[in-house]
Amino acid sequence: MTHIRSAIVGWGHYLPKKVLSNDDLSKMVETSDEWISTRTGIKTRHIVEEELTSDLAYNAAKMALSRANMTAEEVDLIVVASVTPDNTTPSVATKLANRLGVKVGTIAYDILAACSGFVYALTQADNMIRLGQVKTAVVIGAESLSKIVDWTDRNTCVLFGDGAGAVVLKAVEGEGKNTDTGILATKLYADGSHYEDLKTDGGVSSTQNAGHVFMDGKEVFKYAIGSLSQAAETVIEMGGYKNSDIDWLIPHQANIRIISNVGEKLGLPEEKVIVAVDHHGNTSAASIPLAFSENMESGKIKKGDLVVFSAMGAGFTWGASLIRL
């Protein structure tokens, strides 16, 4: 019996030109390269100047379509994961759809699940493909987090960066086995009791402005390690594999200590855990597709590899995907 899978056939990423180093930050707030590096693993991050989130998303999507050897006219669905849209409404996805030149009627919407946004969006697109509602989808994580950072708060401003990553999904036929190419398993979660632990201090109905990022670092750190590893283990088991079978783990790029702890908890050697936080910072919904695209481009990740995406963010939301490339 034929089974429909969602295969990743294209990937893309885009980073603003401006690079902000730890030394640059030390001139803005009371901090140092050593303080930031030892606690977070971050050395540099990219910051938007004149560009909007939709510009970042557009460039990543264009690259992904090029790598897939596809035109915009072939796209049936666009999903953008972001907490920093150009406007409260309409969605970045509709703006992007028009700019890319997709056919009229193409589904386009944004999703807000913070740092888990890309995994949430990927899961939704995969479900729509497997149900036969669409055949191709562009899934994007894009953020301009520098716009909601308090640049006088040294505990948060050192963490975040801007950028975008994208993948193109296409319906392919499989045998229903875990050796198929495509997305093999997904799992999403949320726990709203942690709403106050990671949030912005503003919003449309509360303060009528976007506000700035607030984070209870200790609580987020503790919860992230458990949730990231638990979600990853769940999809690996759902796919009929063991942790040792995984070629690559791409966790949300928030903090090198979280990333290292998750890898250790899963029993994976360091060389199987992708790290990009050193030169991206935390780019929220963009972090996983950014890291994935960079490593596909470099040839480090290859066709046929078994990859796990695992993310956790404000809400709390978390989840994971198991993919055969």
C-alpha atoms as a PDB file:
ATOM      1  CA  MET A   1       0.000   0.000   0.000  1.00  0.00           C
ATOM      2  CA  THR A   2       1.324   3.430  -0.930  1.00  0.00           C
ATOM      3  CA  HIS A   3       1.794   5.973   1.846  1.00  0.00           C
ATOM      4  CA  ILE A   4       2.188   9.715   1.280  1.00  0.00           C
ATOM      5  CA  ARG A   5       5.117  11.338   3.075  1.00  0.00           C
ATOM      6  CA  SER A   6       6.313  14.949   3.277  1.00  0.00           C
ATOM      7  CA  ALA A   7       9.888  15.113   2.004  1.00  0.00           C
ATOM      8  CA  ILE A   8      12.220  18.076   2.508  1.00  0.00           C
ATOM      9  CA  VAL A   9      13.311  18.872  -1.036  1.00  0.00           C
ATOM     10  CA  GLY A  10      14.672  22.390  -0.538  1.00  0.00           C
ATOM     11  CA  TRP A  11      16.258  24.498   2.181  1.00  0.00           C
ATOM     12  CA  GLY A  12      17.260  28.127   2.555  1.00  0.00           C
ATOM     13  CA  HIS A  13      18.447  30.675   5.065  1.00  0.00           C
ATOM     14  CA  TYR A  14      19.131  34.371   5.300  1.00  0.00           C
ATOM     15  CA  LEU A  15      20.906  36.568   7.836  1.00  0.00           C
ATOM     16  CA  PRO A  16      21.019  40.384   7.992  1.00  0.00           C
ATOM     17  CA  LYS A  17      24.380  41.906   7.095  1.00  0.00           C
ATOM     18  CA  LYS A  18      24.992  43.644  10.415  1.00  0.00           C
ATOM     19  CA  VAL A  19      26.921  41.472  12.880  1.00  0.00           C
ATOM     20  CA  LEU A  20      26.907  42.402  16.571  1.00  0.00           C
ATOM     21  CA  SER A  21      29.770  40.860  18.533  1.00  0.00           C
ATOM     22  CA  ASN A  22      30.067  40.389  22.282  1.00  0.00           C
ATOM     23  CA  ASP A  23      32.689  43.121  22.318  1.00  0.00           C
ATOM     24  CA  ASP A  24      30.191  45.449  20.628  1.00  0.00           C
ATOM     25  CA  LEU A  25      27.640  44.621  23.338  1.00  0.00           C
ATOM     26  CA  SER A  26      30.187  45.357  26.069  1.00  0.00           C
ATOM     27  CA  LYS A  27      30.128  48.973  24.874  1.00  0.00           C
ATOM     28  CA  MET A  28      26.320  49.099  25.227  1.00  0.00           C
ATOM     29  CA  VAL A  29      25.730  47.336  28.550  1.00  0.00           C
ATOM     30  CA  GLU A  30      27.832  46.112  31.472  1.00  0.00           C
ATOM     31  CA  THR A  31      29.019  42.771  30.099  1.00  0.00           C
ATOM     32  CA  SER A  32      32.012  41.129  28.436  1.00  0.00           C
ATOM     33  CA  ASP A  33      32.835  38.570  25.784  1.00  0.00           C
ATOM     34  CA  GLU A  34      33.966  36.146  28.501  1.00  0.00           C
ATOM     35  CA  TRP A  35      30.749  36.566  30.520  1.00  0.00           C
ATOM     36  CA  ILE A  36      28.511  35.963  27.489  1.00  0.00           C
ATOM     37  CA  SER A  37      30.586  33.173  25.959  1.00  0.00           C
ATOM     38  CA  THR A  38      30.939  31.080  29.099  1.00  0.00           C
ATOM     39  CA  ARG A  39      27.251  31.323  30.010  1.00  0.00           C
ATOM     40  CA  THR A  40      25.638  31.044  26.578  1.00  0.00           C
ATOM     41  CA  GLY A  41      28.190  29.961  23.976  1.00  0.00           C
ATOM     42  CA  ILE A  42      27.227  32.972  21.854  1.00  0.00           C
ATOM     43  CA  LYS A  43      29.985  35.001  20.170  1.00  0.00           C
ATOM     44  CA  THR A  44      28.078  36.974  17.517  1.00  0.00           C
ATOM     45  CA  ARG A  45      24.535  37.547  16.266  1.00  0.00           C
ATOM     46  CA  HIS A  46      23.011  39.254  13.216  1.00  0.00           C
ATOM     47  CA  ILE A  47      20.803  42.329  13.605  1.00  0.00           C
ATOM     48  CA  VAL A  48      18.334  43.848  11.135  1.00  0.00           C
ATOM     49  CA  GLU A  49      18.716  47.490  10.179  1.00  0.00           C
ATOM     50  CA  GLU A  50      16.364  48.522   7.364  1.00  0.00           C
ATOM     51  CA  GLU A  51      14.859  45.086   6.669  1.00  0.00           C
ATOM     52  CA  LEU A  52      11.569  43.665   7.935  1.00  0.00           C
ATOM     53  CA  THR A  53      10.787  40.121   9.026  1.00  0.00           C
ATOM     54  CA  SER A  54       9.067  39.569   5.671  1.00  0.00           C
ATOM     55  CA  ASP A  55      12.321  40.499   3.886  1.00  0.00           C
ATOM     56  CA  LEU A  56      14.218  37.865   5.856  1.00  0.00           C
ATOM     57  CA  ALA A  57      11.507  35.289   5.151  1.00  0.00           C
ATOM     58  CA  TYR A  58      11.448  36.145   1.443  1.00  0.00           C
ATOM     59  CA  ASN A  59      15.185  35.621   0.983  1.00  0.00           C
ATOM     60  CA  ALA A  60      15.161  32.309   2.849  1.00  0.00           C
ATOM     61  CA  ALA A  61      12.122  31.101   0.891  1.00  0.00           C
ATOM     62  CA  LYS A  62      13.667  32.092  -2.452  1.00  0.00           C
ATOM     63  CA  MET A  63      16.787  30.092  -1.657  1.00  0.00           C
ATOM     64  CA  ALA A  64      14.724  27.092  -0.548  1.00  0.00           C
ATOM     65  CA  LEU A  65      12.681  27.110  -3.765  1.00  0.00           C
ATOM     66  CA  SER A  66      15.878  27.383  -5.797  1.00  0.00           C
ATOM     67  CA  ARG A  67      17.409  24.388  -4.011  1.00  0.00           C
ATOM     68  CA  ALA A  68      14.183  22.463  -4.673  1.00  0.00           C
ATOM     69  CA  ASN A  69      14.266  23.459  -8.368  1.00  0.00           C
ATOM     70  CA  MET A  70      10.701  24.700  -7.978  1.00  0.00           C
ATOM     71  CA  THR A  71       8.857  27.873  -8.912  1.00  0.00           C
ATOM     72  CA  ALA A  72       6.452  29.796  -6.712  1.00  0.00           C
ATOM     73  CA  GLU A  73       3.574  28.729  -8.969  1.00  0.00           C
ATOM     74  CA  GLU A  74       4.023  25.151  -7.694  1.00  0.00           C
ATOM     75  CA  VAL A  75       3.485  26.121  -4.038  1.00  0.00           C
ATOM     76  CA  ASP A  76       0.163  25.201  -2.393  1.00  0.00           C
ATOM     77  CA  LEU A  77       0.854  26.362   1.160  1.00  0.00           C
ATOM     78  CA  ILE A  78       3.027  28.933   2.963  1.00  0.00           C
ATOM     79  CA  VAL A  79       3.370  28.879   6.738  1.00  0.00           C
ATOM     80  CA  VAL A  80       5.517  31.439   8.562  1.00  0.00           C
ATOM     81  CA  ALA A  81       6.441  30.897  12.200  1.00  0.00           C
ATOM     82  CA  SER A  82       7.279  34.183  13.915  1.00  0.00           C
ATOM     83  CA  VAL A  83       6.730  36.272  17.038  1.00  0.00           C
ATOM     84  CA  THR A  84       7.898  39.418  15.239  1.00  0.00           C
ATOM     85  CA  PRO A  85       5.605  39.997  12.223  1.00  0.00           C
ATOM     86  CA  ASP A  86       5.741  43.179  10.155  1.00  0.00           C
ATOM     87  CA  ASN A  87       2.207  44.048  11.256  1.00  0.00           C
ATOM     88  CA  THR A  88      -0.179  42.627  13.830  1.00  0.00           C
ATOM     89  CA  THR A  89      -2.329  41.776  10.817  1.00  0.00           C
ATOM     90  CA  PRO A  90      -2.244  40.703   7.975  1.00  0.00           C
ATOM     91  CA  SER A  91       0.166  37.784   8.236  1.00  0.00           C
ATOM     92  CA  VAL A  92       3.751  37.767   7.015  1.00  0.00           C
ATOM     93  CA  ALA A  93       2.777  34.699   4.965  1.00  0.00           C
ATOM     94  CA  THR A  94       0.242  36.577   2.839  1.00  0.00           C
ATOM     95  CA  LYS A  95       2.740  39.365   2.182  1.00  0.00           C
ATOM     96  CA  LEU A  96       5.331  36.748   1.286  1.00  0.00           C
ATOM     97  CA  ALA A  97       2.915  34.866  -0.981  1.00  0.00           C
ATOM     98  CA  ASN A  98       2.290  37.996  -3.020  1.00  0.00           C
ATOM     99  CA  ARG A  99       5.980  38.858  -3.221  1.00  0.00           C
ATOM    100  CA  LEU A 100       6.972  35.346  -4.277  1.00  0.00           C
ATOM    101  CA  GLY A 101       4.257  35.331  -6.924  1.00  0.00           C
ATOM    102  CA  VAL A 102       2.327  32.235  -5.896  1.00  0.00           C
ATOM    103  CA  LYS A 103      -0.984  31.473  -7.591  1.00  0.00           C
ATOM    104  CA  VAL A 104      -4.112  33.177  -6.232  1.00  0.00           C
ATOM    105  CA  GLY A 105      -5.797  30.946  -3.684  1.00  0.00           C
ATOM    106  CA  THR A 106      -2.596  29.517  -2.215  1.00  0.00           C
ATOM    107  CA  ILE A 107      -3.024  28.961   1.533  1.00  0.00           C
ATOM    108  CA  ALA A 108      -0.911  31.368   3.605  1.00  0.00           C
ATOM    109  CA  TYR A 109      -0.864  32.021   7.332  1.00  0.00           C
ATOM    110  CA  ASP A 110       1.398  32.716  10.315  1.00  0.00           C
ATOM    111  CA  ILE A 111       1.763  30.646  13.461  1.00  0.00           C
ATOM    112  CA  LEU A 112       2.916  31.861  16.869  1.00  0.00           C
ATOM    113  CA  ALA A 113       4.487  29.205  19.063  1.00  0.00           C
ATOM    114  CA  ALA A 114       7.644  31.168  19.924  1.00  0.00           C
ATOM    115  CA  CYS A 115      10.867  29.140  19.654  1.00  0.00           C
ATOM    116  CA  SER A 116       8.828  26.004  18.879  1.00  0.00           C
ATOM    117  CA  GLY A 117       7.131  27.775  15.978  1.00  0.00           C
ATOM    118  CA  PHE A 118       9.025  26.083  13.157  1.00  0.00           C
ATOM    119  CA  VAL A 119       8.409  22.577  14.532  1.00  0.00           C
ATOM    120  CA  TYR A 120       4.713  23.441  15.023  1.00  0.00           C
ATOM    121  CA  ALA A 121       4.492  24.814  11.459  1.00  0.00           C
ATOM    122  CA  LEU A 122       6.338  21.827  10.000  1.00  0.00           C
ATOM    123  CA  THR A 123       3.922  19.465  11.748  1.00  0.00           C
ATOM    124  CA  GLN A 124       0.886  21.288  10.399  1.00  0.00           C
ATOM    125  CA  ALA A 125       2.245  21.353   6.847  1.00  0.00           C
ATOM    126  CA  ASP A 126       3.126  17.651   7.073  1.00  0.00           C
ATOM    127  CA  ASN A 127      -0.403  16.823   8.223  1.00  0.00           C
ATOM    128  CA  MET A 128      -1.957  18.755   5.329  1.00  0.00           C
ATOM    129  CA  ILE A 129       0.286  16.994   2.817  1.00  0.00           C
ATOM    130  CA  ARG A 130      -0.427  13.530   4.221  1.00  0.00           C
ATOM    131  CA  LEU A 131      -4.167  14.271   4.161  1.00  0.00           C
ATOM    132  CA  GLY A 132      -3.899  15.215   0.500  1.00  0.00           C
ATOM    133  CA  GLN A 133      -5.013  18.822   1.035  1.00  0.00           C
ATOM    134  CA  VAL A 134      -1.805  20.204  -0.496  1.00  0.00           C
ATOM    135  CA  LYS A 135       1.129  18.759  -2.428  1.00  0.00           C
ATOM    136  CA  THR A 136       3.837  21.343  -1.751  1.00  0.00           C
ATOM    137  CA  ALA A 137       4.526  23.694   1.151  1.00  0.00           C
ATOM    138  CA  VAL A 138       7.083  26.317   2.097  1.00  0.00           C
ATOM    139  CA  VAL A 139       7.633  26.419   5.863  1.00  0.00           C
ATOM    140  CA  ILE A 140       9.603  29.356   7.242  1.00  0.00           C
ATOM    141  CA  GLY A 141      10.878  30.522  10.613  1.00  0.00           C
ATOM    142  CA  ALA A 142      11.677  34.243  10.529  1.00  0.00           C
ATOM    143  CA  GLU A 143      12.440  36.650  13.354  1.00  0.00           C
ATOM    144  CA  SER A 144      13.499  40.237  14.024  1.00  0.00           C
ATOM    145  CA  LEU A 145      13.970  39.712  17.745  1.00  0.00           C
ATOM    146  CA  SER A 146      16.198  42.767  18.046  1.00  0.00           C
ATOM    147  CA  LYS A 147      12.970  44.802  17.777  1.00  0.00           C
ATOM    148  CA  ILE A 148      11.586  43.398  21.051  1.00  0.00           C
ATOM    149  CA  VAL A 149      14.817  43.242  23.052  1.00  0.00           C
ATOM    150  CA  ASP A 150      15.495  45.704  25.862  1.00  0.00           C
ATOM    151  CA  TRP A 151      19.020  46.793  24.954  1.00  0.00           C
ATOM    152  CA  THR A 152      19.621  48.019  28.526  1.00  0.00           C
ATOM    153  CA  ASP A 153      18.971  44.571  30.034  1.00  0.00           C
ATOM    154  CA  ARG A 154      22.214  42.614  29.905  1.00  0.00           C
ATOM    155  CA  ASN A 155      20.484  39.370  30.928  1.00  0.00           C
ATOM    156  CA  THR A 156      18.396  39.224  27.745  1.00  0.00           C
ATOM    157  CA  CYS A 157      19.895  41.501  25.101  1.00  0.00           C
ATOM    158  CA  VAL A 158      22.993  39.305  24.764  1.00  0.00           C
ATOM    159  CA  LEU A 159      20.920  36.254  23.837  1.00  0.00           C
ATOM    160  CA  PHE A 160      18.945  37.106  20.733  1.00  0.00           C
ATOM    161  CA  GLY A 161      19.571  37.575  17.026  1.00  0.00           C
ATOM    162  CA  ASP A 162      17.675  38.003  13.765  1.00  0.00           C
ATOM    163  CA  GLY A 163      17.394  35.744  10.726  1.00  0.00           C
ATOM    164  CA  ALA A 164      15.263  33.307   8.775  1.00  0.00           C
ATOM    165  CA  GLY A 165      15.331  29.704   7.646  1.00  0.00           C
ATOM    166  CA  ALA A 166      13.018  27.812   5.313  1.00  0.00           C
ATOM    167  CA  VAL A 167      12.290  24.378   3.902  1.00  0.00           C
ATOM    168  CA  VAL A 168      10.215  23.192   0.967  1.00  0.00           C
ATOM    169  CA  LEU A 169       8.077  20.122   1.602  1.00  0.00           C
ATOM    170  CA  LYS A 170       6.757  17.969  -1.225  1.00  0.00           C
ATOM    171  CA  ALA A 171       4.425  14.974  -1.226  1.00  0.00           C
ATOM    172  CA  VAL A 172       6.281  11.772  -2.091  1.00  0.00           C
ATOM    173  CA  GLU A 173       5.188   8.146  -2.149  1.00  0.00           C
ATOM    174  CA  GLY A 174       6.565   5.750   0.432  1.00  0.00           C
ATOM    175  CA  GLU A 175       5.980   2.206   1.619  1.00  0.00           C
ATOM    176  CA  GLY A 176       4.916   3.190   5.116  1.00  0.00           C
ATOM    177  CA  LYS A 177       8.215   1.961   6.568  1.00  0.00           C
ATOM    178  CA  ASN A 178      10.678   3.876   8.735  1.00  0.00           C
ATOM    179  CA  THR A 179      13.190   3.630   5.901  1.00  0.00           C
ATOM    180  CA  ASP A 180      11.006   5.949   3.774  1.00  0.00           C
ATOM    181  CA  THR A 181      12.241   9.398   2.817  1.00  0.00           C
ATOM    182  CA  GLY A 182      10.336  12.190   4.531  1.00  0.00           C
ATOM    183  CA  ILE A 183       8.898  13.204   7.880  1.00  0.00           C
ATOM    184  CA  LEU A 184       8.512   9.976   9.874  1.00  0.00           C
ATOM    185  CA  ALA A 185       7.096  11.270  13.171  1.00  0.00           C
ATOM    186  CA  THR A 186       6.077  14.501  14.886  1.00  0.00           C
ATOM    187  CA  LYS A 187       4.881  15.362  18.388  1.00  0.00           C
ATOM    188  CA  LEU A 188       3.794  18.693  19.892  1.00  0.00           C
ATOM    189  CA  TYR A 189       3.165  19.812  23.469  1.00  0.00           C
ATOM    190  CA  ALA A 190       2.247  22.861  25.568  1.00  0.00           C
ATOM    191  CA  ASP A 191       1.992  23.783  29.252  1.00  0.00           C
ATOM    192  CA  GLY A 192       0.359  27.154  29.859  1.00  0.00           C
ATOM    193  CA  SER A 193       1.163  27.127  33.575  1.00  0.00           C
ATOM    194  CA  HIS A 194       4.556  28.575  32.571  1.00  0.00           C
ATOM    195  CA  TYR A 195       3.037  31.507  30.685  1.00  0.00           C
ATOM    196  CA  GLU A 196       4.792  34.076  32.889  1.00  0.00           C
ATOM    197  CA  ASP A 197       8.257  32.523  32.742  1.00  0.00           C
ATOM    198  CA  LEU A 198       9.118  33.609  29.199  1.00  0.00           C
ATOM    199  CA  LYS A 199       7.118  36.365  27.543  1.00  0.00           C
ATOM    200  CA  THR A 200       7.046  39.922  26.312  1.00  0.00           C
ATOM    201  CA  ASP A 201       5.782  42.540  28.753  1.00  0.00           C
ATOM    202  CA  GLY A 202       3.444  43.999  26.147  1.00  0.00           C
ATOM    203  CA  GLY A 203       0.757  43.118  23.650  1.00  0.00           C
ATOM    204  CA  VAL A 204      -2.146  44.440  21.597  1.00  0.00           C
ATOM    205  CA  SER A 205      -4.907  43.947  24.160  1.00  0.00           C
ATOM    206  CA  SER A 206      -2.776  44.641  27.252  1.00  0.00           C
ATOM    207  CA  THR A 207      -0.427  47.546  26.582  1.00  0.00           C
ATOM    208  CA  GLN A 208      -1.067  48.351  22.900  1.00  0.00           C
ATOM    209  CA  ASN A 209       2.605  47.885  22.104  1.00  0.00           C
ATOM    210  CA  ALA A 210       4.876  44.929  21.429  1.00  0.00           C
ATOM    211  CA  GLY A 211       6.802  45.195  24.698  1.00  0.00           C
ATOM    212  CA  HIS A 212      10.194  43.638  25.482  1.00  0.00           C
ATOM    213  CA  VAL A 213      11.302  40.096  26.199  1.00  0.00           C
ATOM    214  CA  PHE A 214      11.256  38.960  29.821  1.00  0.00           C
ATOM    215  CA  MET A 215      12.662  35.613  30.939  1.00  0.00           C
ATOM    216  CA  ASP A 216      13.038  33.657  34.165  1.00  0.00           C
ATOM    217  CA  GLY A 217      16.344  32.152  33.052  1.00  0.00           C
ATOM    218  CA  LYS A 218      16.619  29.454  35.730  1.00  0.00           C
ATOM    219  CA  GLU A 219      13.117  28.125  35.138  1.00  0.00           C
ATOM    220  CA  VAL A 220      13.520  28.147  31.353  1.00  0.00           C
ATOM    221  CA  PHE A 221      16.901  26.398  31.560  1.00  0.00           C
ATOM    222  CA  LYS A 222      15.575  23.652  33.818  1.00  0.00           C
ATOM    223  CA  TYR A 223      12.448  23.018  31.750  1.00  0.00           C
ATOM    224  CA  ALA A 224      14.206  23.217  28.376  1.00  0.00           C
ATOM    225  CA  ILE A 225      16.600  20.331  28.982  1.00  0.00           C
ATOM    226  CA  GLY A 226      13.821  17.964  30.021  1.00  0.00           C
ATOM    227  CA  SER A 227      11.330  18.978  27.349  1.00  0.00           C
ATOM    228  CA  LEU A 228      13.795  19.001  24.449  1.00  0.00           C
ATOM    229  CA  SER A 229      15.166  15.563  25.280  1.00  0.00           C
ATOM    230  CA  GLN A 230      11.725  14.086  26.047  1.00  0.00           C
ATOM    231  CA  ALA A 231      10.235  15.298  22.748  1.00  0.00           C
ATOM    232  CA  ALA A 232      13.235  13.998  20.803  1.00  0.00           C
ATOM    233  CA  GLU A 233      13.084  10.583  22.464  1.00  0.00           C
ATOM    234  CA  THR A 234       9.355  10.366  21.787  1.00  0.00           C
ATOM    235  CA  VAL A 235       9.609  10.897  18.012  1.00  0.00           C
ATOM    236  CA  ILE A 236      12.616   8.581  17.780  1.00  0.00           C
ATOM    237  CA  GLU A 237      10.577   5.838  19.456  1.00  0.00           C
ATOM    238  CA  MET A 238       7.515   6.655  17.323  1.00  0.00           C
ATOM    239  CA  GLY A 239       9.686   6.176  14.250  1.00  0.00           C
ATOM    240  CA  GLY A 240      10.838   2.756  15.434  1.00  0.00           C
ATOM    241  CA  TYR A 241      14.423   3.809  16.087  1.00  0.00           C
ATOM    242  CA  LYS A 242      16.838   4.051  19.003  1.00  0.00           C
ATOM    243  CA  ASN A 243      18.719   7.205  19.994  1.00  0.00           C
ATOM    244  CA  SER A 244      21.937   5.693  18.685  1.00  0.00           C
ATOM    245  CA  ASP A 245      20.412   5.423  15.181  1.00  0.00           C
ATOM    246  CA  ILE A 246      20.168   9.208  14.824  1.00  0.00           C
ATOM    247  CA  ASP A 247      22.660  10.879  12.512  1.00  0.00           C
ATOM    248  CA  TRP A 248      21.954  14.453  13.628  1.00  0.00           C
ATOM    249  CA  LEU A 249      20.145  16.247  16.417  1.00  0.00           C
ATOM    250  CA  ILE A 250      19.266  19.868  15.682  1.00  0.00           C
ATOM    251  CA  PRO A 251      17.905  21.332  18.922  1.00  0.00           C
ATOM    252  CA  HIS A 252      16.622  24.861  19.353  1.00  0.00           C
ATOM    253  CA  GLN A 253      19.687  27.109  19.485  1.00  0.00           C
ATOM    254  CA  ALA A 254      19.168  28.987  22.745  1.00  0.00           C
ATOM    255  CA  ASN A 255      22.165  28.264  24.928  1.00  0.00           C
ATOM    256  CA  ILE A 256      25.191  25.995  24.519  1.00  0.00           C
ATOM    257  CA  ARG A 257      24.691  24.518  27.992  1.00  0.00           C
ATOM    258  CA  ILE A 258      21.123  23.503  27.152  1.00  0.00           C
ATOM    259  CA  ILE A 259      22.238  22.041  23.816  1.00  0.00           C
ATOM    260  CA  SER A 260      25.081  20.069  25.434  1.00  0.00           C
ATOM    261  CA  ASN A 261      22.868  18.767  28.235  1.00  0.00           C
ATOM    262  CA  VAL A 262      20.208  17.581  25.797  1.00  0.00           C
ATOM    263  CA  GLY A 263      22.811  15.756  23.712  1.00  0.00           C
ATOM    264  CA  GLU A 264      24.196  14.068  26.832  1.00  0.00           C
ATOM    265  CA  LYS A 265      20.706  13.140  28.060  1.00  0.00           C
ATOM    266  CA  LEU A 266      20.031  11.418  24.725  1.00  0.00           C
ATOM    267  CA  GLY A 267      23.397   9.660  24.840  1.00  0.00           C
ATOM    268  CA  LEU A 268      24.564  11.304  21.622  1.00  0.00           C
ATOM    269  CA  PRO A 269      28.216  12.196  21.000  1.00  0.00           C
ATOM    270  CA  GLU A 270      29.011  15.889  20.547  1.00  0.00           C
ATOM    271  CA  GLU A 271      29.741  15.406  16.846  1.00  0.00           C
ATOM    272  CA  LYS A 272      26.095  14.389  16.219  1.00  0.00           C
ATOM    273  CA  VAL A 273      24.651  17.550  17.786  1.00  0.00           C
ATOM    274  CA  ILE A 274      24.432  20.583  15.509  1.00  0.00           C
ATOM    275  CA  VAL A 275      25.517  23.875  17.122  1.00  0.00           C
ATOM    276  CA  ALA A 276      24.898  27.260  15.493  1.00  0.00           C
ATOM    277  CA  VAL A 277      24.132  29.383  18.551  1.00  0.00           C
ATOM    278  CA  ASP A 278      27.734  30.664  18.590  1.00  0.00           C
ATOM    279  CA  HIS A 279      27.218  32.775  15.456  1.00  0.00           C
ATOM    280  CA  HIS A 280      23.404  33.169  15.390  1.00  0.00           C
ATOM    281  CA  GLY A 281      22.396  33.667  19.003  1.00  0.00           C
ATOM    282  CA  ASN A 282      18.834  32.658  19.811  1.00  0.00           C
ATOM    283  CA  THR A 283      16.741  33.355  16.701  1.00  0.00           C
ATOM    284  CA  SER A 284      13.570  31.770  18.106  1.00  0.00           C
ATOM    285  CA  ALA A 285      11.452  30.163  15.337  1.00  0.00           C
ATOM    286  CA  ALA A 286      14.289  30.675  12.830  1.00  0.00           C
ATOM    287  CA  SER A 287      16.967  28.796  14.784  1.00  0.00           C
ATOM    288  CA  ILE A 288      16.330  25.216  13.636  1.00  0.00           C
ATOM    289  CA  PRO A 289      15.772  25.917   9.913  1.00  0.00           C
ATOM    290  CA  LEU A 290      18.761  28.292   9.915  1.00  0.00           C
ATOM    291  CA  ALA A 291      21.033  25.653  11.408  1.00  0.00           C
ATOM    292  CA  PHE A 292      19.607  22.950   9.152  1.00  0.00           C
ATOM    293  CA  SER A 293      20.039  24.944   5.939  1.00  0.00           C
ATOM    294  CA  GLU A 294      23.594  26.020   6.764  1.00  0.00           C
ATOM    295  CA  ASN A 295      24.627  22.432   7.391  1.00  0.00           C
ATOM    296  CA  MET A 296      22.871  21.135   4.280  1.00  0.00           C
ATOM    297  CA  GLU A 297      24.724  23.765   2.257  1.00  0.00           C
ATOM    298  CA  SER A 298      28.073  22.839   3.786  1.00  0.00           C
ATOM    299  CA  GLY A 299      27.476  19.156   3.043  1.00  0.00           C
ATOM    300  CA  LYS A 300      27.707  18.153   6.693  1.00  0.00           C
ATOM    301  CA  ILE A 301      24.117  16.881   6.633  1.00  0.00           C
ATOM    302  CA  LYS A 302      23.420  14.665   3.621  1.00  0.00           C
ATOM    303  CA  LYS A 303      20.557  13.037   1.799  1.00  0.00           C
ATOM    304  CA  GLY A 304      19.582   9.809   3.525  1.00  0.00           C
ATOM    305  CA  ASP A 305      20.541  11.043   7.011  1.00  0.00           C
ATOM    306  CA  LEU A 306      18.154  10.582   9.927  1.00  0.00           C
ATOM    307  CA  VAL A 307      17.604  13.934  11.643  1.00  0.00           C
ATOM    308  CA  VAL A 308      15.709  15.089  14.729  1.00  0.00           C
ATOM    309  CA  PHE A 309      14.480  18.654  15.192  1.00  0.00           C
ATOM    310  CA  SER A 310      13.590  19.482  18.812  1.00  0.00           C
ATOM    311  CA  ALA A 311      12.416  22.860  20.098  1.00  0.00           C
ATOM    312  CA  MET A 312      11.026  24.513  23.220  1.00  0.00           C
ATOM    313  CA  GLY A 313       9.823  28.066  23.711  1.00  0.00           C
ATOM    314  CA  ALA A 314       7.500  30.522  25.436  1.00  0.00           C
ATOM    315  CA  GLY A 315       4.121  29.254  26.451  1.00  0.00           C
ATOM    316  CA  PHE A 316       5.693  26.843  27.276  1.00  0.00           C
ATOM    317  CA  THR A 317       5.458  25.074  23.932  1.00  0.00           C
ATOM    318  CA  TRP A 318       7.707  22.258  22.747  1.00  0.00           C
ATOM    319  CA  GLY A 319       7.895  19.481  20.222  1.00  0.00           C
ATOM    320  CA  ALA A 320      10.025  17.446  17.857  1.00  0.00           C
ATOM    321  CA  SER A 321      10.170  15.964  14.355  1.00  0.00           C
ATOM    322  CA  LEU A 322      11.962  12.877  13.014  1.00  0.00           C
ATOM    323  CA  ILE A 323      12.970  13.157   9.358  1.00  0.00           C
ATOM    324  CA  ARG A 324      14.699  10.926   6.818  1.00  0.00           C
ATOM    325  CA  LEU A 325      16.307  13.217   4.249  1.00  0.00           C
END
